Amino acid sequence: MNTIRFVLLLSMLLVVGCANLDKTEQRMVSGAAIGGVVGGPIGAGVGAGVGYVVERSESKKAD
C-alpha cells in the first residue's frame, strides 16, 4: 500500500513540476529519464544531451 502511495505522489509531483517547461526542456528531461533508466547516471547525461540536440534540429527544420 505504501508503494502505491509513493508512486502516485511521485507521479503527481512530476506532472506538476514539468507543467511550465518549454519543448526543449521537456525533451531534455524525458531524454535524461530514459537514459537514467537504461544506463544510470552516465545514460541520464547522454539522454539529456540527445534530447537537446533533437529539439534544436527539429526547431531548425521548422524555421
N, C-alpha and C. Protein backbone atom coordinates (compact mmCIF):
# COMPACT_ATOMS: atom_id res chain seq x y z
N MET A 1 0.82 -1.20 0.00
CA MET A 1 0.00 0.00 0.00
C MET A 1 0.86 1.26 0.00
N ASN A 2 1.94 1.25 0.78
CA ASN A 2 2.83 2.41 0.82
C ASN A 2 3.51 2.64 -0.52
N THR A 3 3.82 1.57 -1.22
CA THR A 3 4.46 1.70 -2.52
C THR A 3 3.53 2.38 -3.52
N ILE A 4 2.27 2.03 -3.48
CA ILE A 4 1.30 2.65 -4.39
C ILE A 4 1.17 4.13 -4.09
N ARG A 5 1.11 4.48 -2.84
CA ARG A 5 1.03 5.90 -2.46
C ARG A 5 2.26 6.66 -2.92
N PHE A 6 3.42 6.05 -2.74
CA PHE A 6 4.67 6.69 -3.16
C PHE A 6 4.69 6.92 -4.67
N VAL A 7 4.31 5.93 -5.43
CA VAL A 7 4.30 6.05 -6.89
C VAL A 7 3.31 7.13 -7.33
N LEU A 8 2.14 7.16 -6.73
CA LEU A 8 1.15 8.19 -7.07
C LEU A 8 1.65 9.59 -6.72
N LEU A 9 2.25 9.74 -5.56
CA LEU A 9 2.79 11.03 -5.15
C LEU A 9 3.91 11.47 -6.09
N LEU A 10 4.79 10.57 -6.41
CA LEU A 10 5.89 10.89 -7.32
C LEU A 10 5.37 11.26 -8.70
N SER A 11 4.38 10.55 -9.19
CA SER A 11 3.78 10.86 -10.49
C SER A 11 3.16 12.25 -10.49
N MET A 12 2.44 12.57 -9.44
CA MET A 12 1.81 13.89 -9.35
C MET A 12 2.85 15.00 -9.30
N LEU A 13 3.93 14.79 -8.56
CA LEU A 13 4.99 15.79 -8.49
C LEU A 13 5.67 15.99 -9.83
N LEU A 14 5.87 14.92 -10.56
CA LEU A 14 6.50 15.04 -11.88
C LEU A 14 5.61 15.79 -12.85
N VAL A 15 4.33 15.52 -12.83
CA VAL A 15 3.41 16.20 -13.74
C VAL A 15 3.34 17.68 -13.41
N VAL A 16 3.22 18.03 -12.15
CA VAL A 16 3.13 19.43 -11.74
C VAL A 16 4.47 20.13 -11.97
N GLY A 17 5.55 19.46 -11.69
CA GLY A 17 6.87 20.06 -11.84
C GLY A 17 7.25 20.34 -13.28
N CYS A 18 6.70 19.63 -14.22
CA CYS A 18 7.04 19.80 -15.63
C CYS A 18 6.02 20.64 -16.39
N ALA A 19 5.06 21.21 -15.70
CA ALA A 19 3.97 21.92 -16.37
C ALA A 19 4.44 23.17 -17.11
N ASN A 20 5.46 23.87 -16.60
CA ASN A 20 5.88 25.13 -17.20
C ASN A 20 7.13 25.01 -18.05
N LEU A 21 7.52 23.81 -18.42
CA LEU A 21 8.72 23.63 -19.24
C LEU A 21 8.41 23.89 -20.70
N ASP A 22 9.40 24.48 -21.41
CA ASP A 22 9.21 24.62 -22.85
C ASP A 22 9.57 23.29 -23.52
N LYS A 23 9.43 23.24 -24.82
CA LYS A 23 9.60 21.98 -25.55
C LYS A 23 11.03 21.43 -25.41
N THR A 24 12.02 22.31 -25.46
CA THR A 24 13.41 21.87 -25.33
C THR A 24 13.66 21.26 -23.96
N GLU A 25 13.18 21.92 -22.92
CA GLU A 25 13.37 21.41 -21.57
C GLU A 25 12.64 20.08 -21.37
N GLN A 26 11.45 19.95 -21.95
CA GLN A 26 10.71 18.69 -21.84
C GLN A 26 11.49 17.56 -22.49
N ARG A 27 12.07 17.82 -23.66
CA ARG A 27 12.84 16.77 -24.34
C ARG A 27 14.08 16.41 -23.55
N MET A 28 14.72 17.40 -22.94
CA MET A 28 15.91 17.11 -22.15
C MET A 28 15.57 16.26 -20.92
N VAL A 29 14.47 16.60 -20.27
CA VAL A 29 14.05 15.84 -19.07
C VAL A 29 13.66 14.42 -19.45
N SER A 30 12.89 14.28 -20.53
CA SER A 30 12.48 12.92 -20.92
C SER A 30 13.69 12.12 -21.40
N GLY A 31 14.62 12.75 -22.10
CA GLY A 31 15.84 12.05 -22.50
C GLY A 31 16.66 11.61 -21.31
N ALA A 32 16.77 12.48 -20.31
CA ALA A 32 17.50 12.13 -19.10
C ALA A 32 16.83 11.00 -18.34
N ALA A 33 15.50 11.02 -18.29
CA ALA A 33 14.77 9.96 -17.59
C ALA A 33 14.97 8.62 -18.28
N ILE A 34 14.84 8.62 -19.60
CA ILE A 34 15.03 7.36 -20.35
C ILE A 34 16.46 6.89 -20.22
N GLY A 35 17.41 7.80 -20.38
CA GLY A 35 18.82 7.43 -20.24
C GLY A 35 19.16 6.94 -18.85
N GLY A 36 18.55 7.55 -17.83
CA GLY A 36 18.80 7.13 -16.46
C GLY A 36 18.30 5.73 -16.18
N VAL A 37 17.18 5.38 -16.76
CA VAL A 37 16.63 4.03 -16.58
C VAL A 37 17.50 3.02 -17.30
N VAL A 38 17.93 3.37 -18.48
CA VAL A 38 18.69 2.42 -19.30
C VAL A 38 20.14 2.32 -18.87
N GLY A 39 20.78 3.47 -18.62
CA GLY A 39 22.22 3.43 -18.40
C GLY A 39 22.73 4.08 -17.14
N GLY A 40 21.88 4.40 -16.21
CA GLY A 40 22.34 5.01 -14.97
C GLY A 40 22.70 6.47 -15.15
N PRO A 41 23.56 7.01 -14.29
CA PRO A 41 23.89 8.43 -14.33
C PRO A 41 24.52 8.89 -15.65
N ILE A 42 25.38 8.08 -16.21
CA ILE A 42 26.00 8.46 -17.49
C ILE A 42 24.94 8.47 -18.59
N GLY A 43 24.07 7.49 -18.58
CA GLY A 43 22.98 7.45 -19.56
C GLY A 43 22.05 8.64 -19.43
N ALA A 44 21.84 9.12 -18.20
CA ALA A 44 20.99 10.28 -17.99
C ALA A 44 21.60 11.52 -18.62
N GLY A 45 22.89 11.68 -18.47
CA GLY A 45 23.58 12.82 -19.09
C GLY A 45 23.54 12.75 -20.60
N VAL A 46 23.79 11.57 -21.13
CA VAL A 46 23.74 11.39 -22.59
C VAL A 46 22.32 11.60 -23.09
N GLY A 47 21.34 11.08 -22.40
CA GLY A 47 19.94 11.24 -22.80
C GLY A 47 19.50 12.69 -22.81
N ALA A 48 19.94 13.46 -21.82
CA ALA A 48 19.61 14.89 -21.80
C ALA A 48 20.24 15.60 -22.98
N GLY A 49 21.48 15.25 -23.29
CA GLY A 49 22.16 15.85 -24.44
C GLY A 49 21.48 15.50 -25.75
N VAL A 50 21.08 14.25 -25.89
CA VAL A 50 20.39 13.82 -27.11
C VAL A 50 19.04 14.53 -27.23
N GLY A 51 18.32 14.67 -26.14
CA GLY A 51 17.05 15.39 -26.16
C GLY A 51 17.23 16.83 -26.61
N TYR A 52 18.30 17.47 -26.16
CA TYR A 52 18.58 18.86 -26.55
C TYR A 52 18.90 18.94 -28.04
N VAL A 53 19.75 18.04 -28.52
CA VAL A 53 20.14 18.05 -29.93
C VAL A 53 18.94 17.79 -30.84
N VAL A 54 18.10 16.84 -30.48
CA VAL A 54 16.92 16.53 -31.28
C VAL A 54 16.00 17.74 -31.37
N GLU A 55 15.76 18.39 -30.25
CA GLU A 55 14.88 19.57 -30.25
C GLU A 55 15.47 20.69 -31.09
N ARG A 56 16.76 20.93 -30.97
CA ARG A 56 17.39 22.00 -31.76
C ARG A 56 17.30 21.71 -33.25
N SER A 57 17.54 20.46 -33.65
CA SER A 57 17.47 20.13 -35.08
C SER A 57 16.05 20.23 -35.59
N GLU A 58 15.06 19.85 -34.79
CA GLU A 58 13.66 19.97 -35.24
C GLU A 58 13.22 21.42 -35.29
N SER A 59 13.70 22.24 -34.39
CA SER A 59 13.32 23.65 -34.43
C SER A 59 13.95 24.35 -35.64
N LYS A 60 15.13 23.92 -36.07
CA LYS A 60 15.75 24.49 -37.28
C LYS A 60 14.98 24.07 -38.53
N LYS A 61 14.44 22.86 -38.54
CA LYS A 61 13.65 22.40 -39.68
C LYS A 61 12.37 23.23 -39.81
N ALA A 62 11.79 23.61 -38.68
CA ALA A 62 10.55 24.37 -38.70
C ALA A 62 10.76 25.79 -39.21
N ASP A 63 11.97 26.31 -39.03
CA ASP A 63 12.26 27.69 -39.49
C ASP A 63 12.46 27.73 -40.94
